[in-house]
Amino acid sequence: MKITYLGHSGFLLTGKHGQIVIDPLLTGYPFPTFKPEDIKANLILISHGHGDHFGDSVEIAGHSGGTIVSNYEIANYCADQGVNTHPLHLGGSRDFNLAKIKLTIAFHGSSMGLNPAQYMGNPAGFLITMDGLNIYHAGDTGLFGDMELIGRLHPIDVAMLPIGDNFTMGPEDALEAVKMLRPKVAIPMHYNTWPLIAQDPQAFKSAVEAATETKVVVLAAKEEYNL
């Protein structure tokens, strides 16, 4: 499997039988990265309704013919725009042949727009089983104790974890998440997009690798990591 970092919290997973894109913020991302038309995904996963995660999901689904997988509210919102969707909810899973997707809890919010904001259901993380590997994308979340349960029930090969603080876990809490999840590899995300979430990913890498057996892979936007 190839993991391509799209920037912020976005990733493209390329497996033997297709591609999955997660939280594809491309238009409006402040650093050079891909264009929506560059992404040809079979599944488009949206962790919650905030614009920096919903991103270009509908456009990608429209031109690629892929299926948006998200909570019930977001799936219905996207279906109204004429794209393929499949709703899940927290704790639920579905085998899409390409991969099995399970929604996990995430402690955050989920809305779209302002004046008034539209409620977009519960935020979520994703457990993705693809090509025999378990990938955990935590979404936007604070630290929570059930991460230990997630790691125990689903041995994790790669965990994508936010470290930006302010809106999500910071580096210290993300280290505790690694201790509970026990992934083979951790990839930091949701940092340095804007000054408000500025962090040093190399310092996070040093702290995690000193305290655990997990390898930390720091990716720049458009950089790839092969499993």
Protein backbone atom coordinates (compact mmCIF):
# COMPACT_ATOMS: atom_id res chain seq x y z
CA MET A 1 0.00 0.00 0.00
CA LYS A 2 1.10 3.55 -0.77
CA ILE A 3 0.09 6.41 1.53
CA THR A 4 0.26 9.89 0.01
CA TYR A 5 -0.09 12.91 2.28
CA LEU A 6 -2.38 15.55 0.81
CA GLY A 7 -1.66 18.06 3.55
CA HIS A 8 -3.57 19.02 6.72
CA SER A 9 -5.53 15.82 7.53
CA GLY A 10 -5.83 14.51 3.98
CA PHE A 11 -4.44 11.20 2.77
CA LEU A 12 -4.68 9.07 -0.36
CA LEU A 13 -4.37 5.32 0.16
CA THR A 14 -3.46 3.36 -2.95
CA GLY A 15 -3.92 -0.39 -2.66
CA LYS A 16 -3.98 -3.41 -4.93
CA HIS A 17 -7.52 -2.81 -6.13
CA GLY A 18 -8.13 0.92 -5.90
CA GLN A 19 -7.83 4.14 -3.96
CA ILE A 20 -9.31 5.73 -0.84
CA VAL A 21 -9.08 9.44 -0.13
CA ILE A 22 -9.62 10.85 3.37
CA ASP A 23 -10.58 14.45 4.23
CA PRO A 24 -9.34 15.94 0.93
CA LEU A 25 -8.76 19.65 1.55
CA LEU A 26 -7.14 20.67 -1.74
CA THR A 27 -8.79 23.91 -2.87
CA GLY A 28 -7.81 26.57 -0.34
CA TYR A 29 -4.97 24.56 1.20
CA PRO A 30 -2.22 27.17 1.70
CA PHE A 31 0.63 25.04 0.29
CA PRO A 32 1.03 23.58 -3.22
CA THR A 33 -0.55 20.17 -3.49
CA PHE A 34 -2.92 18.26 -5.78
CA LYS A 35 -5.94 19.55 -7.68
CA PRO A 36 -9.31 17.84 -7.11
CA GLU A 37 -9.27 16.48 -10.67
CA ASP A 38 -5.97 14.71 -9.90
CA ILE A 39 -7.69 12.41 -7.39
CA LYS A 40 -9.46 9.32 -8.77
CA ALA A 41 -10.80 7.60 -5.67
CA ASN A 42 -13.12 4.63 -5.28
CA LEU A 43 -14.03 5.71 -1.73
CA ILE A 44 -14.04 9.22 -0.29
CA LEU A 45 -14.06 9.32 3.53
CA ILE A 46 -15.20 12.46 5.37
CA SER A 47 -14.54 12.52 9.11
CA HIS A 48 -16.79 15.53 9.89
CA GLY A 49 -18.45 18.54 8.37
CA HIS A 50 -15.89 21.29 8.96
CA GLY A 51 -14.71 22.81 5.69
CA ASP A 52 -11.05 21.94 6.20
CA HIS A 53 -12.04 18.24 6.20
CA PHE A 54 -15.08 18.13 3.92
CA GLY A 55 -12.89 19.96 1.42
CA ASP A 56 -13.27 18.86 -2.21
CA SER A 57 -15.07 15.59 -1.45
CA VAL A 58 -18.15 16.19 -3.59
CA GLU A 59 -16.13 17.31 -6.61
CA ILE A 60 -13.87 14.25 -6.35
CA ALA A 61 -16.87 11.91 -6.02
CA GLY A 62 -18.52 13.58 -9.00
CA HIS A 63 -15.69 13.21 -11.48
CA SER A 64 -14.36 9.86 -10.24
CA GLY A 65 -17.69 8.13 -9.67
CA GLY A 66 -16.47 7.14 -6.20
CA THR A 67 -18.64 6.69 -3.14
CA ILE A 68 -18.60 9.10 -0.21
CA VAL A 69 -18.57 7.26 3.12
CA SER A 70 -19.39 9.28 6.20
CA ASN A 71 -21.96 9.67 8.94
CA TYR A 72 -25.67 9.64 8.08
CA GLU A 73 -26.05 13.41 7.98
CA ILE A 74 -23.04 14.09 5.76
CA ALA A 75 -23.90 11.19 3.45
CA ASN A 76 -27.42 12.55 2.96
CA TYR A 77 -26.10 16.07 2.38
CA CYS A 78 -23.78 14.77 -0.34
CA ALA A 79 -26.45 12.53 -1.88
CA ASP A 80 -28.59 15.64 -2.37
CA GLN A 81 -25.76 16.94 -4.58
CA GLY A 82 -26.04 13.95 -6.88
CA VAL A 83 -23.03 11.84 -5.89
CA ASN A 84 -22.79 8.25 -4.67
CA THR A 85 -22.85 7.88 -0.90
CA HIS A 86 -22.98 5.25 1.82
CA PRO A 87 -23.94 6.26 5.37
CA LEU A 88 -22.34 4.73 8.46
CA HIS A 89 -22.52 5.66 12.09
CA LEU A 90 -20.28 5.37 15.13
CA GLY A 91 -19.28 1.78 15.79
CA GLY A 92 -20.72 0.59 12.49
CA SER A 93 -18.70 -0.94 9.67
CA ARG A 94 -19.11 -2.02 6.07
CA ASP A 95 -17.03 -4.15 3.74
CA PHE A 96 -16.74 -2.37 0.39
CA ASN A 97 -14.60 -5.15 -1.15
CA LEU A 98 -11.78 -2.66 -1.70
CA ALA A 99 -11.64 -2.14 2.07
CA LYS A 100 -13.62 -2.53 5.25
CA ILE A 101 -14.45 0.83 6.86
CA LYS A 102 -15.47 1.27 10.49
CA LEU A 103 -16.41 4.57 12.15
CA THR A 104 -14.87 5.29 15.54
CA ILE A 105 -15.69 8.01 18.03
CA ALA A 106 -13.92 11.36 17.87
CA PHE A 107 -14.31 14.17 20.40
CA HIS A 108 -14.85 17.28 18.33
CA GLY A 109 -17.67 19.15 16.55
CA SER A 110 -19.24 18.85 13.11
CA SER A 111 -20.98 21.68 11.27
CA MET A 112 -20.85 23.46 7.95
CA GLY A 113 -21.04 27.16 7.17
CA LEU A 114 -22.02 30.09 9.32
CA ASN A 115 -25.09 32.25 10.01
CA PRO A 116 -26.52 29.76 10.75
CA ALA A 117 -24.18 26.79 10.89
CA GLN A 118 -25.67 23.55 9.60
CA TYR A 119 -25.36 20.53 11.91
CA MET A 120 -23.51 17.71 10.16
CA GLY A 121 -23.80 14.83 12.62
CA ASN A 122 -21.24 13.30 14.93
CA PRO A 123 -17.53 13.63 14.09
CA ALA A 124 -15.71 10.35 13.56
CA GLY A 125 -12.44 8.61 12.99
CA PHE A 126 -11.89 5.70 10.61
CA LEU A 127 -10.56 2.18 10.95
CA ILE A 128 -9.64 1.02 7.46
CA THR A 129 -8.75 -2.59 6.75
CA MET A 130 -7.20 -2.78 3.29
CA ASP A 131 -4.83 -5.28 1.71
CA GLY A 132 -4.44 -7.00 5.08
CA LEU A 133 -3.39 -3.80 6.87
CA ASN A 134 -5.19 -1.81 9.57
CA ILE A 135 -5.05 1.97 9.15
CA TYR A 136 -6.49 4.28 11.82
CA HIS A 137 -7.29 7.88 10.91
CA ALA A 138 -8.32 9.56 14.15
CA GLY A 139 -10.06 12.54 12.55
CA ASP A 140 -10.15 15.71 14.59
CA THR A 141 -10.22 14.61 18.21
CA GLY A 142 -9.02 15.12 21.71
CA LEU A 143 -7.44 12.30 23.66
CA PHE A 144 -9.85 9.62 24.94
CA GLY A 145 -9.33 6.42 26.90
CA ASP A 146 -11.06 4.13 24.42
CA MET A 147 -8.06 4.51 22.13
CA GLU A 148 -6.62 1.67 24.20
CA LEU A 149 -9.62 -0.48 23.22
CA ILE A 150 -9.27 0.46 19.55
CA GLY A 151 -5.63 -0.59 19.58
CA ARG A 152 -6.31 -3.82 21.45
CA LEU A 153 -9.15 -4.97 19.21
CA HIS A 154 -7.59 -3.84 15.94
CA PRO A 155 -3.78 -4.18 15.81
CA ILE A 156 -2.84 -1.01 13.98
CA ASP A 157 -0.19 -0.81 11.29
CA VAL A 158 -0.45 2.96 10.74
CA ALA A 159 -2.16 5.64 12.85
CA MET A 160 -2.73 9.16 11.54
CA LEU A 161 -2.99 11.43 14.59
CA PRO A 162 -3.60 15.18 14.94
CA ILE A 163 -0.93 17.08 16.86
CA GLY A 164 -1.86 20.73 16.22
CA ASP A 165 -3.43 21.50 19.61
CA ASN A 166 -6.06 24.26 20.05
CA PHE A 167 -8.75 22.38 18.07
CA THR A 168 -7.43 18.81 18.60
CA MET A 169 -4.85 16.90 20.59
CA GLY A 170 -1.50 18.56 20.96
CA PRO A 171 1.81 16.66 20.83
CA GLU A 172 1.75 15.62 24.50
CA ASP A 173 -1.73 14.10 24.27
CA ALA A 174 -0.90 12.56 20.90
CA LEU A 175 2.03 10.79 22.57
CA GLU A 176 -0.40 9.32 25.10
CA ALA A 177 -2.62 8.24 22.19
CA VAL A 178 0.32 6.38 20.67
CA LYS A 179 0.95 4.63 23.98
CA MET A 180 -2.65 3.39 24.04
CA LEU A 181 -3.02 2.56 20.35
CA ARG A 182 0.41 0.92 19.98
CA PRO A 183 0.63 1.33 16.18
CA LYS A 184 3.67 0.16 14.26
CA VAL A 185 3.83 3.56 12.55
CA ALA A 186 2.36 6.96 13.47
CA ILE A 187 1.95 9.84 11.03
CA PRO A 188 1.24 13.30 12.49
CA MET A 189 -1.42 15.45 10.83
CA HIS A 190 -3.50 18.60 11.37
CA TYR A 191 -0.57 20.89 12.18
CA ASN A 192 1.24 23.85 10.59
CA THR A 193 -1.55 24.56 8.12
CA TRP A 194 -2.11 27.89 9.88
CA PRO A 195 -0.17 29.63 12.68
CA LEU A 196 -2.85 28.70 15.23
CA ILE A 197 -1.90 25.02 14.97
CA ALA A 198 1.86 25.41 14.50
CA GLN A 199 3.90 22.49 15.92
CA ASP A 200 7.30 20.85 15.49
CA PRO A 201 6.67 17.35 14.07
CA GLN A 202 10.31 16.36 14.55
CA ALA A 203 10.02 17.04 18.27
CA PHE A 204 6.91 14.85 18.32
CA LYS A 205 8.81 12.13 16.47
CA SER A 206 11.67 12.25 18.98
CA ALA A 207 9.31 12.10 21.96
CA VAL A 208 7.30 9.16 20.60
CA GLU A 209 10.30 7.12 19.53
CA ALA A 210 12.00 7.69 22.90
CA ALA A 211 8.94 6.54 24.85
CA THR A 212 7.47 3.79 22.65
CA GLU A 213 8.34 1.22 19.99
CA THR A 214 6.32 3.13 17.38
CA LYS A 215 8.08 4.59 14.37
CA VAL A 216 7.00 8.13 13.46
CA VAL A 217 6.93 9.10 9.78
CA VAL A 218 6.73 12.85 9.11
CA LEU A 219 5.42 13.57 5.62
CA ALA A 220 5.44 16.77 3.64
CA ALA A 221 2.46 17.52 1.39
CA LYS A 222 2.55 15.22 -1.70
CA GLU A 223 5.15 12.95 -0.06
CA GLU A 224 4.57 9.20 -0.18
CA TYR A 225 5.13 6.40 2.31
CA ASN A 226 5.11 2.78 1.17
CA LEU A 227 4.05 -0.08 3.41
